[in-house]
Amino acid sequence: MSIALRGELRQDEPMSRHVSWRAGGAAERAYFPADLDDLRAFLRTLKRDEPIHFVGLGSNLLVRDGGLRGTAIFTHRALRAITLDAPADAIHVEVGVASPKVARYCAMHGLIGAEFLAGIPGTIGGALAMNAGCYGGETWNIVREVEVIDRSGRLYTRTPAQYDIGYRSVVKRSGSPSRTSR
């Protein structure tokens, strides 16, 4: 049975088109998912040993001239929803939303603490992956929980307590339980 993917798969995609430095070789494959469900379906089609590289806006991303082996997955076109959660003291942000947009959204809704994100040039996904920060703020200091995806397309909900978080470092604690989201 074949899975009908709705995103766009490209071969030998020049990464210079997708990074702020406008340099670097090609990704063997590049996938632009239509939405989260499409990304989940796409991940299920990959071989277990397929290298995967998630790319947001490509801000300050360096790609070697030899390119990337495996598949680059671009999140910023489809995974960019941002919504106010009830009660109105939290927001839900998809991985492809630009960090400055998160700062503006919070300011427009009277939420404090995310102002520093205005100085982070990439997406919230990248900010989470590296605990990006500036002006005395760090990404994980304002996170209640995250929804993560595994190579099989399964979603899990995790809290900051399930990670060792440091200066520009985030590592999942081994044996840390997760709630399956869907």
N, C-alpha and C. Protein backbone atom coordinates (compact mmCIF):
# COMPACT_ATOMS: atom_id res chain seq x y z
N MET A 1 0.84 -1.17 0.00
CA MET A 1 0.00 0.00 0.00
C MET A 1 0.89 1.25 0.00
N SER A 2 0.63 2.14 -0.88
CA SER A 2 1.41 3.36 -1.00
C SER A 2 0.73 4.49 -0.23
N ILE A 3 1.54 5.30 0.41
CA ILE A 3 1.03 6.43 1.19
C ILE A 3 1.00 7.66 0.28
N ALA A 4 -0.10 8.34 0.26
CA ALA A 4 -0.23 9.55 -0.56
C ALA A 4 0.30 10.74 0.24
N LEU A 5 1.49 11.17 -0.12
CA LEU A 5 2.07 12.34 0.53
C LEU A 5 1.59 13.59 -0.19
N ARG A 6 1.41 14.65 0.56
CA ARG A 6 0.91 15.90 0.00
C ARG A 6 1.98 16.98 -0.09
N GLY A 7 3.12 16.74 0.54
CA GLY A 7 4.21 17.70 0.50
C GLY A 7 5.00 17.56 -0.79
N GLU A 8 6.10 18.28 -0.85
CA GLU A 8 6.93 18.25 -2.05
C GLU A 8 8.29 17.64 -1.73
N LEU A 9 8.67 16.62 -2.51
CA LEU A 9 9.97 15.97 -2.38
C LEU A 9 10.84 16.38 -3.56
N ARG A 10 12.03 16.89 -3.24
CA ARG A 10 12.97 17.29 -4.29
C ARG A 10 14.27 16.50 -4.14
N GLN A 11 14.92 16.25 -5.25
CA GLN A 11 16.21 15.56 -5.28
C GLN A 11 17.31 16.60 -5.51
N ASP A 12 18.48 16.38 -4.90
CA ASP A 12 19.65 17.26 -5.09
C ASP A 12 19.29 18.74 -4.95
N GLU A 13 18.66 19.07 -3.85
CA GLU A 13 18.21 20.44 -3.60
C GLU A 13 19.37 21.32 -3.12
N PRO A 14 19.69 22.38 -3.86
CA PRO A 14 20.78 23.28 -3.44
C PRO A 14 20.44 23.95 -2.11
N MET A 15 21.24 23.68 -1.10
CA MET A 15 21.01 24.28 0.21
C MET A 15 21.30 25.78 0.20
N SER A 16 22.06 26.23 -0.77
CA SER A 16 22.35 27.66 -0.86
C SER A 16 21.07 28.48 -1.03
N ARG A 17 20.02 27.87 -1.50
CA ARG A 17 18.72 28.55 -1.65
C ARG A 17 18.00 28.71 -0.31
N HIS A 18 18.46 27.99 0.70
CA HIS A 18 17.71 27.88 1.95
C HIS A 18 18.47 28.33 3.20
N VAL A 19 19.67 28.85 3.03
CA VAL A 19 20.44 29.29 4.20
C VAL A 19 20.80 30.76 4.06
N SER A 20 20.92 31.43 5.20
CA SER A 20 21.19 32.87 5.17
C SER A 20 22.53 33.21 4.54
N TRP A 21 23.48 32.31 4.57
CA TRP A 21 24.81 32.56 4.00
C TRP A 21 24.84 32.35 2.48
N ARG A 22 23.78 31.80 1.90
CA ARG A 22 23.67 31.55 0.45
C ARG A 22 24.86 30.76 -0.10
N ALA A 23 25.29 29.77 0.69
CA ALA A 23 26.42 28.93 0.30
C ALA A 23 26.15 27.50 0.75
N GLY A 24 26.89 26.58 0.19
CA GLY A 24 26.78 25.18 0.60
C GLY A 24 26.29 24.30 -0.51
N GLY A 25 26.56 23.02 -0.36
CA GLY A 25 26.18 22.03 -1.37
C GLY A 25 24.72 21.64 -1.29
N ALA A 26 24.39 20.60 -2.03
CA ALA A 26 23.00 20.14 -2.14
C ALA A 26 22.66 19.08 -1.11
N ALA A 27 21.39 19.04 -0.71
CA ALA A 27 20.86 17.94 0.09
C ALA A 27 20.45 16.84 -0.88
N GLU A 28 20.76 15.59 -0.55
CA GLU A 28 20.36 14.49 -1.44
C GLU A 28 18.87 14.56 -1.74
N ARG A 29 18.10 14.75 -0.67
CA ARG A 29 16.65 14.90 -0.80
C ARG A 29 16.20 16.03 0.11
N ALA A 30 15.14 16.70 -0.29
CA ALA A 30 14.53 17.75 0.54
C ALA A 30 13.03 17.53 0.53
N TYR A 31 12.43 17.61 1.72
CA TYR A 31 10.99 17.43 1.81
C TYR A 31 10.38 18.66 2.45
N PHE A 32 9.31 19.14 1.82
CA PHE A 32 8.55 20.29 2.28
C PHE A 32 7.16 19.78 2.63
N PRO A 33 6.92 19.43 3.92
CA PRO A 33 5.62 18.85 4.28
C PRO A 33 4.47 19.84 4.11
N ALA A 34 3.29 19.29 3.85
CA ALA A 34 2.08 20.11 3.73
C ALA A 34 1.56 20.53 5.10
N ASP A 35 1.74 19.67 6.10
CA ASP A 35 1.31 19.94 7.47
C ASP A 35 1.88 18.85 8.36
N LEU A 36 1.51 18.86 9.62
CA LEU A 36 2.07 17.89 10.57
C LEU A 36 1.71 16.46 10.20
N ASP A 37 0.48 16.21 9.82
CA ASP A 37 0.09 14.84 9.45
C ASP A 37 0.87 14.34 8.24
N ASP A 38 1.13 15.23 7.30
CA ASP A 38 1.93 14.86 6.14
C ASP A 38 3.37 14.55 6.55
N LEU A 39 3.93 15.34 7.45
CA LEU A 39 5.28 15.07 7.95
C LEU A 39 5.32 13.71 8.63
N ARG A 40 4.33 13.41 9.44
CA ARG A 40 4.27 12.12 10.11
C ARG A 40 4.26 10.97 9.11
N ALA A 41 3.46 11.11 8.06
CA ALA A 41 3.38 10.08 7.03
C ALA A 41 4.72 9.96 6.30
N PHE A 42 5.34 11.09 5.99
CA PHE A 42 6.62 11.06 5.28
C PHE A 42 7.69 10.36 6.12
N LEU A 43 7.78 10.67 7.40
CA LEU A 43 8.79 10.04 8.25
C LEU A 43 8.64 8.53 8.27
N ARG A 44 7.42 8.04 8.18
CA ARG A 44 7.19 6.58 8.17
C ARG A 44 7.72 5.93 6.89
N THR A 45 7.95 6.70 5.83
CA THR A 45 8.45 6.13 4.58
C THR A 45 9.97 6.00 4.54
N LEU A 46 10.66 6.65 5.47
CA LEU A 46 12.12 6.66 5.43
C LEU A 46 12.72 5.40 6.03
N LYS A 47 13.87 5.03 5.51
CA LYS A 47 14.62 3.91 6.09
C LYS A 47 15.12 4.33 7.46
N ARG A 48 15.28 3.36 8.34
CA ARG A 48 15.68 3.64 9.72
C ARG A 48 17.04 4.32 9.82
N ASP A 49 17.93 4.06 8.86
CA ASP A 49 19.27 4.65 8.92
C ASP A 49 19.41 5.91 8.07
N GLU A 50 18.29 6.40 7.53
CA GLU A 50 18.31 7.61 6.71
C GLU A 50 18.67 8.82 7.57
N PRO A 51 19.74 9.53 7.25
CA PRO A 51 20.03 10.77 7.98
C PRO A 51 18.93 11.81 7.71
N ILE A 52 18.47 12.46 8.77
CA ILE A 52 17.43 13.48 8.67
C ILE A 52 17.99 14.78 9.24
N HIS A 53 17.76 15.87 8.53
CA HIS A 53 18.20 17.19 8.96
C HIS A 53 17.00 18.13 8.92
N PHE A 54 16.53 18.56 10.08
CA PHE A 54 15.41 19.51 10.12
C PHE A 54 15.95 20.91 9.93
N VAL A 55 15.31 21.66 9.04
CA VAL A 55 15.74 23.02 8.72
C VAL A 55 14.54 23.95 8.87
N GLY A 56 14.77 25.04 9.56
CA GLY A 56 13.74 26.07 9.68
C GLY A 56 13.97 27.13 8.64
N LEU A 57 14.39 28.30 9.08
CA LEU A 57 14.67 29.40 8.17
C LEU A 57 16.07 29.35 7.59
N GLY A 58 16.93 28.46 8.10
CA GLY A 58 18.30 28.38 7.62
C GLY A 58 19.16 29.53 8.11
N SER A 59 18.72 30.19 9.17
CA SER A 59 19.46 31.33 9.72
C SER A 59 20.79 30.86 10.31
N ASN A 60 21.86 31.44 9.80
CA ASN A 60 23.21 31.13 10.28
C ASN A 60 23.55 29.64 10.19
N LEU A 61 22.91 28.93 9.29
CA LEU A 61 23.19 27.51 9.08
C LEU A 61 24.28 27.37 8.03
N LEU A 62 25.33 26.65 8.37
CA LEU A 62 26.41 26.40 7.43
C LEU A 62 26.28 24.97 6.89
N VAL A 63 26.33 24.84 5.58
CA VAL A 63 26.28 23.53 4.93
C VAL A 63 27.57 23.38 4.15
N ARG A 64 28.24 22.27 4.34
CA ARG A 64 29.52 22.06 3.65
C ARG A 64 29.31 22.00 2.14
N ASP A 65 30.34 22.31 1.39
CA ASP A 65 30.24 22.30 -0.06
C ASP A 65 29.85 20.93 -0.60
N GLY A 66 30.20 19.87 0.13
CA GLY A 66 29.84 18.51 -0.28
C GLY A 66 28.37 18.19 -0.07
N GLY A 67 27.63 19.10 0.54
CA GLY A 67 26.20 18.91 0.73
C GLY A 67 25.84 18.04 1.92
N LEU A 68 24.59 17.61 1.94
CA LEU A 68 24.05 16.80 3.03
C LEU A 68 23.64 15.43 2.52
N ARG A 69 24.11 14.40 3.18
CA ARG A 69 23.64 13.06 2.88
C ARG A 69 22.31 12.88 3.59
N GLY A 70 21.35 12.27 2.94
CA GLY A 70 20.05 12.04 3.56
C GLY A 70 19.03 13.07 3.13
N THR A 71 18.08 13.32 4.04
CA THR A 71 16.95 14.19 3.72
C THR A 71 16.90 15.41 4.63
N ALA A 72 16.78 16.56 4.02
CA ALA A 72 16.53 17.80 4.76
C ALA A 72 15.02 18.03 4.76
N ILE A 73 14.47 18.28 5.93
CA ILE A 73 13.03 18.53 6.05
C ILE A 73 12.85 19.99 6.45
N PHE A 74 12.13 20.72 5.61
CA PHE A 74 11.93 22.15 5.80
C PHE A 74 10.58 22.40 6.48
N THR A 75 10.61 23.02 7.63
CA THR A 75 9.41 23.16 8.46
C THR A 75 8.71 24.52 8.35
N HIS A 76 9.39 25.54 7.87
CA HIS A 76 8.87 26.91 7.99
C HIS A 76 7.71 27.24 7.05
N ARG A 77 7.46 26.46 6.04
CA ARG A 77 6.35 26.77 5.12
C ARG A 77 5.02 26.25 5.62
N ALA A 78 5.02 25.12 6.30
CA ALA A 78 3.76 24.49 6.67
C ALA A 78 3.51 24.47 8.17
N LEU A 79 4.53 24.31 8.96
CA LEU A 79 4.36 24.15 10.41
C LEU A 79 4.56 25.50 11.09
N ARG A 80 3.62 26.42 10.84
CA ARG A 80 3.79 27.79 11.29
C ARG A 80 2.57 28.37 12.00
N ALA A 81 1.78 27.53 12.61
CA ALA A 81 0.61 28.02 13.35
C ALA A 81 1.03 28.49 14.74
N ILE A 82 0.33 29.50 15.20
CA ILE A 82 0.53 30.01 16.56
C ILE A 82 -0.85 30.39 17.09
N THR A 83 -1.20 29.86 18.27
CA THR A 83 -2.53 30.09 18.83
C THR A 83 -2.44 30.36 20.32
N LEU A 84 -3.41 31.09 20.80
CA LEU A 84 -3.52 31.38 22.23
C LEU A 84 -4.26 30.22 22.88
N ASP A 85 -3.66 29.65 23.93
CA ASP A 85 -4.29 28.55 24.64
C ASP A 85 -5.15 29.09 25.77
N ALA A 86 -6.14 28.30 26.16
CA ALA A 86 -6.97 28.66 27.30
C ALA A 86 -6.41 27.95 28.53
N PRO A 87 -6.28 28.58 29.66
CA PRO A 87 -6.53 30.00 29.85
C PRO A 87 -5.50 30.82 29.07
N ALA A 88 -5.80 32.06 28.87
CA ALA A 88 -5.01 32.91 27.97
C ALA A 88 -3.66 33.33 28.54
N ASP A 89 -2.96 32.40 29.19
CA ASP A 89 -1.64 32.73 29.70
C ASP A 89 -0.55 31.89 29.04
N ALA A 90 -0.90 31.24 27.94
CA ALA A 90 0.07 30.40 27.23
C ALA A 90 -0.28 30.39 25.74
N ILE A 91 0.70 30.04 24.94
CA ILE A 91 0.47 29.91 23.51
C ILE A 91 0.96 28.55 23.04
N HIS A 92 0.42 28.12 21.91
CA HIS A 92 0.87 26.90 21.24
C HIS A 92 1.53 27.35 19.95
N VAL A 93 2.77 26.93 19.74
CA VAL A 93 3.55 27.37 18.59
C VAL A 93 4.09 26.16 17.85
N GLU A 94 3.86 26.11 16.53
CA GLU A 94 4.45 25.03 15.74
C GLU A 94 5.92 25.36 15.44
N VAL A 95 6.66 24.33 15.13
CA VAL A 95 8.10 24.39 14.99
C VAL A 95 8.62 25.37 13.94
N GLY A 96 7.86 25.64 12.90
CA GLY A 96 8.33 26.50 11.81
C GLY A 96 8.07 27.98 11.98
N VAL A 97 7.51 28.40 13.11
CA VAL A 97 7.21 29.82 13.33
C VAL A 97 8.52 30.56 13.66
N ALA A 98 8.73 31.69 13.01
CA ALA A 98 9.91 32.52 13.28
C ALA A 98 9.87 33.03 14.73
N SER A 99 10.99 32.95 15.41
CA SER A 99 11.06 33.37 16.81
C SER A 99 10.61 34.81 17.02
N PRO A 100 11.00 35.78 16.16
CA PRO A 100 10.50 37.14 16.36
C PRO A 100 8.97 37.24 16.27
N LYS A 101 8.35 36.39 15.47
CA LYS A 101 6.89 36.38 15.38
C LYS A 101 6.28 35.94 16.71
N VAL A 102 6.91 34.99 17.37
CA VAL A 102 6.45 34.54 18.69
C VAL A 102 6.52 35.70 19.68
N ALA A 103 7.62 36.46 19.65
CA ALA A 103 7.77 37.61 20.54
C ALA A 103 6.66 38.63 20.30
N ARG A 104 6.38 38.92 19.03
CA ARG A 104 5.32 39.89 18.70
C ARG A 104 3.95 39.38 19.13
N TYR A 105 3.68 38.11 18.89
CA TYR A 105 2.39 37.52 19.25
C TYR A 105 2.17 37.62 20.76
N CYS A 106 3.19 37.28 21.52
CA CYS A 106 3.08 37.37 22.99
C CYS A 106 2.82 38.80 23.42
N ALA A 107 3.55 39.75 22.84
CA ALA A 107 3.36 41.16 23.20
C ALA A 107 1.94 41.61 22.87
N MET A 108 1.42 41.20 21.73
CA MET A 108 0.06 41.60 21.34
C MET A 108 -1.01 41.03 22.26
N HIS A 109 -0.69 39.92 22.95
CA HIS A 109 -1.66 39.29 23.84
C HIS A 109 -1.31 39.49 25.32
N GLY A 110 -0.43 40.44 25.60
CA GLY A 110 -0.12 40.79 26.98
C GLY A 110 0.67 39.75 27.74
N LEU A 111 1.35 38.85 27.05
CA LEU A 111 2.16 37.81 27.70
C LEU A 111 3.60 38.31 27.80
N ILE A 112 4.20 38.16 28.96
CA ILE A 112 5.56 38.64 29.15
C ILE A 112 6.53 37.47 29.25
N GLY A 113 7.80 37.75 29.00
CA GLY A 113 8.84 36.75 29.13
C GLY A 113 9.46 36.30 27.82
N ALA A 114 8.77 36.52 26.71
CA ALA A 114 9.28 36.06 25.41
C ALA A 114 9.90 37.18 24.59
N GLU A 115 10.07 38.34 25.18
CA GLU A 115 10.59 39.50 24.43
C GLU A 115 11.93 39.21 23.77
N PHE A 116 12.80 38.46 24.44
CA PHE A 116 14.13 38.17 23.91
C PHE A 116 14.08 37.43 22.58
N LEU A 117 12.97 36.73 22.31
CA LEU A 117 12.86 35.98 21.05
C LEU A 117 12.90 36.90 19.83
N ALA A 118 12.65 38.18 20.02
CA ALA A 118 12.73 39.13 18.91
C ALA A 118 14.15 39.19 18.36
N GLY A 119 15.15 38.81 19.14
CA GLY A 119 16.54 38.83 18.71
C GLY A 119 17.07 37.50 18.22
N ILE A 120 16.21 36.49 18.12
CA ILE A 120 16.62 35.16 17.66
C ILE A 120 16.24 35.06 16.18
N PRO A 121 17.21 34.86 15.28
CA PRO A 121 16.92 34.94 13.84
C PRO A 121 16.22 33.74 13.22
N GLY A 122 16.09 32.65 13.88
CA GLY A 122 15.50 31.46 13.26
C GLY A 122 14.10 31.15 13.74
N THR A 123 13.72 29.88 13.60
CA THR A 123 12.40 29.42 14.01
C THR A 123 12.42 28.98 15.46
N ILE A 124 11.24 28.80 16.01
CA ILE A 124 11.13 28.34 17.39
C ILE A 124 11.65 26.91 17.53
N GLY A 125 11.56 26.12 16.46
CA GLY A 125 12.11 24.76 16.49
C GLY A 125 13.61 24.78 16.72
N GLY A 126 14.32 25.63 16.00
CA GLY A 126 15.75 25.76 16.20
C GLY A 126 16.08 26.35 17.57
N ALA A 127 15.28 27.30 18.01
CA ALA A 127 15.49 27.90 19.33
C ALA A 127 15.35 26.85 20.42
N LEU A 128 14.39 25.95 20.27
CA LEU A 128 14.22 24.86 21.24
C LEU A 128 15.38 23.88 21.18
N ALA A 129 15.80 23.53 19.96
CA ALA A 129 16.86 22.52 19.79
C ALA A 129 18.16 22.95 20.44
N MET A 130 18.43 24.25 20.44
CA MET A 130 19.72 24.71 20.98
C MET A 130 19.59 25.58 22.22
N ASN A 131 18.39 25.71 22.75
CA ASN A 131 18.14 26.61 23.88
C ASN A 131 18.67 28.01 23.57
N ALA A 132 18.23 28.53 22.42
CA ALA A 132 18.68 29.85 21.99
C ALA A 132 18.29 30.92 23.00
N GLY A 133 19.10 31.93 23.07
CA GLY A 133 18.80 33.02 23.98
C GLY A 133 19.57 34.28 23.65
N CYS A 134 19.13 35.36 24.23
CA CYS A 134 19.81 36.65 24.15
C CYS A 134 19.16 37.59 25.15
N TYR A 135 19.82 38.67 25.44
CA TYR A 135 19.30 39.69 26.35
C TYR A 135 18.85 39.10 27.69
N GLY A 136 19.56 38.07 28.15
CA GLY A 136 19.27 37.48 29.44
C GLY A 136 18.15 36.44 29.45
N GLY A 137 17.53 36.17 28.31
CA GLY A 137 16.48 35.16 28.25
C GLY A 137 16.94 33.92 27.50
N GLU A 138 16.39 32.77 27.86
CA GLU A 138 16.66 31.52 27.16
C GLU A 138 15.34 30.83 26.86
N THR A 139 15.28 30.17 25.73
CA THR A 139 14.04 29.58 25.23
C THR A 139 13.37 28.66 26.24
N TRP A 140 14.11 27.73 26.80
CA TRP A 140 13.49 26.72 27.66
C TRP A 140 12.98 27.30 28.98
N ASN A 141 13.38 28.51 29.32
CA ASN A 141 12.85 29.14 30.54
C ASN A 141 11.39 29.53 30.41
N ILE A 142 10.86 29.55 29.19
CA ILE A 142 9.46 29.95 28.99
C ILE A 142 8.61 28.80 28.42
N VAL A 143 9.11 27.58 28.51
CA VAL A 143 8.41 26.42 27.94
C VAL A 143 7.74 25.61 29.04
N ARG A 144 6.45 25.28 28.84
CA ARG A 144 5.73 24.39 29.76
C ARG A 144 5.85 22.94 29.31
N GLU A 145 5.67 22.73 28.00
CA GLU A 145 5.80 21.40 27.43
C GLU A 145 6.03 21.52 25.95
N VAL A 146 6.57 20.44 25.36
CA VAL A 146 6.80 20.39 23.93
C VAL A 146 6.21 19.10 23.39
N GLU A 147 5.81 19.15 22.14
CA GLU A 147 5.38 17.95 21.44
C GLU A 147 6.48 17.61 20.46
N VAL A 148 7.00 16.39 20.55
CA VAL A 148 8.10 15.96 19.70
C VAL A 148 7.65 14.80 18.83
N ILE A 149 8.36 14.60 17.73
CA ILE A 149 8.03 13.56 16.78
C ILE A 149 9.22 12.61 16.66
N ASP A 150 8.95 11.32 16.56
CA ASP A 150 10.04 10.38 16.36
C ASP A 150 10.11 9.96 14.88
N ARG A 151 11.06 9.13 14.56
CA ARG A 151 11.29 8.70 13.18
C ARG A 151 10.12 7.90 12.61
N SER A 152 9.28 7.38 13.49
CA SER A 152 8.12 6.62 13.03
C SER A 152 6.88 7.50 12.87
N GLY A 153 7.04 8.79 13.11
CA GLY A 153 5.92 9.72 12.99
C GLY A 153 5.03 9.77 14.21
N ARG A 154 5.43 9.12 15.31
CA ARG A 154 4.66 9.18 16.55
C ARG A 154 4.96 10.49 17.27
N LEU A 155 3.93 11.05 17.88
CA LEU A 155 4.07 12.30 18.64
C LEU A 155 4.07 12.01 20.14
N TYR A 156 4.91 12.74 20.85
CA TYR A 156 5.01 12.61 22.30
C TYR A 156 5.00 13.99 22.92
N THR A 157 4.43 14.09 24.11
CA THR A 157 4.46 15.34 24.86
C THR A 157 5.47 15.18 25.99
N ARG A 158 6.36 16.17 26.10
CA ARG A 158 7.40 16.14 27.13
C ARG A 158 7.46 17.49 27.83
N THR A 159 7.98 17.46 29.04
CA THR A 159 8.16 18.69 29.82
C THR A 159 9.65 19.02 29.88
N PRO A 160 9.98 20.25 30.25
CA PRO A 160 11.40 20.60 30.39
C PRO A 160 12.14 19.71 31.38
N ALA A 161 11.44 19.18 32.38
CA ALA A 161 12.09 18.31 33.37
C ALA A 161 12.63 17.01 32.74
N GLN A 162 12.19 16.68 31.55
CA GLN A 162 12.64 15.47 30.89
C GLN A 162 13.90 15.69 30.04
N TYR A 163 14.47 16.89 30.14
CA TYR A 163 15.67 17.22 29.39
C TYR A 163 16.73 17.79 30.33
N ASP A 164 17.99 17.58 29.97
CA ASP A 164 19.09 18.30 30.59
C ASP A 164 19.31 19.52 29.71
N ILE A 165 19.03 20.68 30.27
CA ILE A 165 19.06 21.93 29.50
C ILE A 165 20.18 22.80 30.05
N GLY A 166 21.04 23.25 29.13
CA GLY A 166 22.14 24.11 29.53
C GLY A 166 22.33 25.22 28.53
N TYR A 167 23.46 25.87 28.64
CA TYR A 167 23.79 26.96 27.72
C TYR A 167 23.94 26.40 26.31
N ARG A 168 23.01 26.71 25.44
CA ARG A 168 22.97 26.27 24.04
C ARG A 168 23.04 24.76 23.92
N SER A 169 22.39 24.07 24.86
CA SER A 169 22.42 22.61 24.88
C SER A 169 21.10 22.06 25.43
N VAL A 170 20.55 21.06 24.72
CA VAL A 170 19.34 20.38 25.16
C VAL A 170 19.51 18.90 24.83
N VAL A 171 19.44 18.05 25.87
CA VAL A 171 19.60 16.61 25.68
C VAL A 171 18.50 15.91 26.46
N LYS A 172 17.78 14.99 25.80
CA LYS A 172 16.73 14.22 26.48
C LYS A 172 17.38 13.31 27.52
N ARG A 173 16.82 13.30 28.70
CA ARG A 173 17.31 12.40 29.75
C ARG A 173 16.94 10.97 29.40
N SER A 174 17.87 10.07 29.56
CA SER A 174 17.58 8.66 29.25
C SER A 174 16.56 8.11 30.23
N GLY A 175 15.66 7.29 29.72
CA GLY A 175 14.64 6.68 30.54
C GLY A 175 13.53 7.63 30.95
N SER A 176 13.56 8.83 30.44
CA SER A 176 12.53 9.81 30.78
C SER A 176 11.22 9.48 30.08
N PRO A 177 10.14 9.24 30.81
CA PRO A 177 8.88 8.86 30.18
C PRO A 177 8.24 10.01 29.42
N SER A 178 7.48 9.67 28.41
CA SER A 178 6.77 10.67 27.61
C SER A 178 5.33 10.24 27.46
N ARG A 179 4.44 11.22 27.36
CA ARG A 179 3.03 10.93 27.04
C ARG A 179 2.90 10.86 25.53
N THR A 180 2.25 9.83 25.04
CA THR A 180 1.96 9.76 23.61
C THR A 180 0.84 10.74 23.32
N SER A 181 1.08 11.61 22.33
CA SER A 181 0.07 12.62 22.00
C SER A 181 -0.98 12.08 21.05
N ARG A 182 -0.56 11.47 19.98
CA ARG A 182 -1.47 10.87 19.01
C ARG A 182 -0.70 10.06 18.02
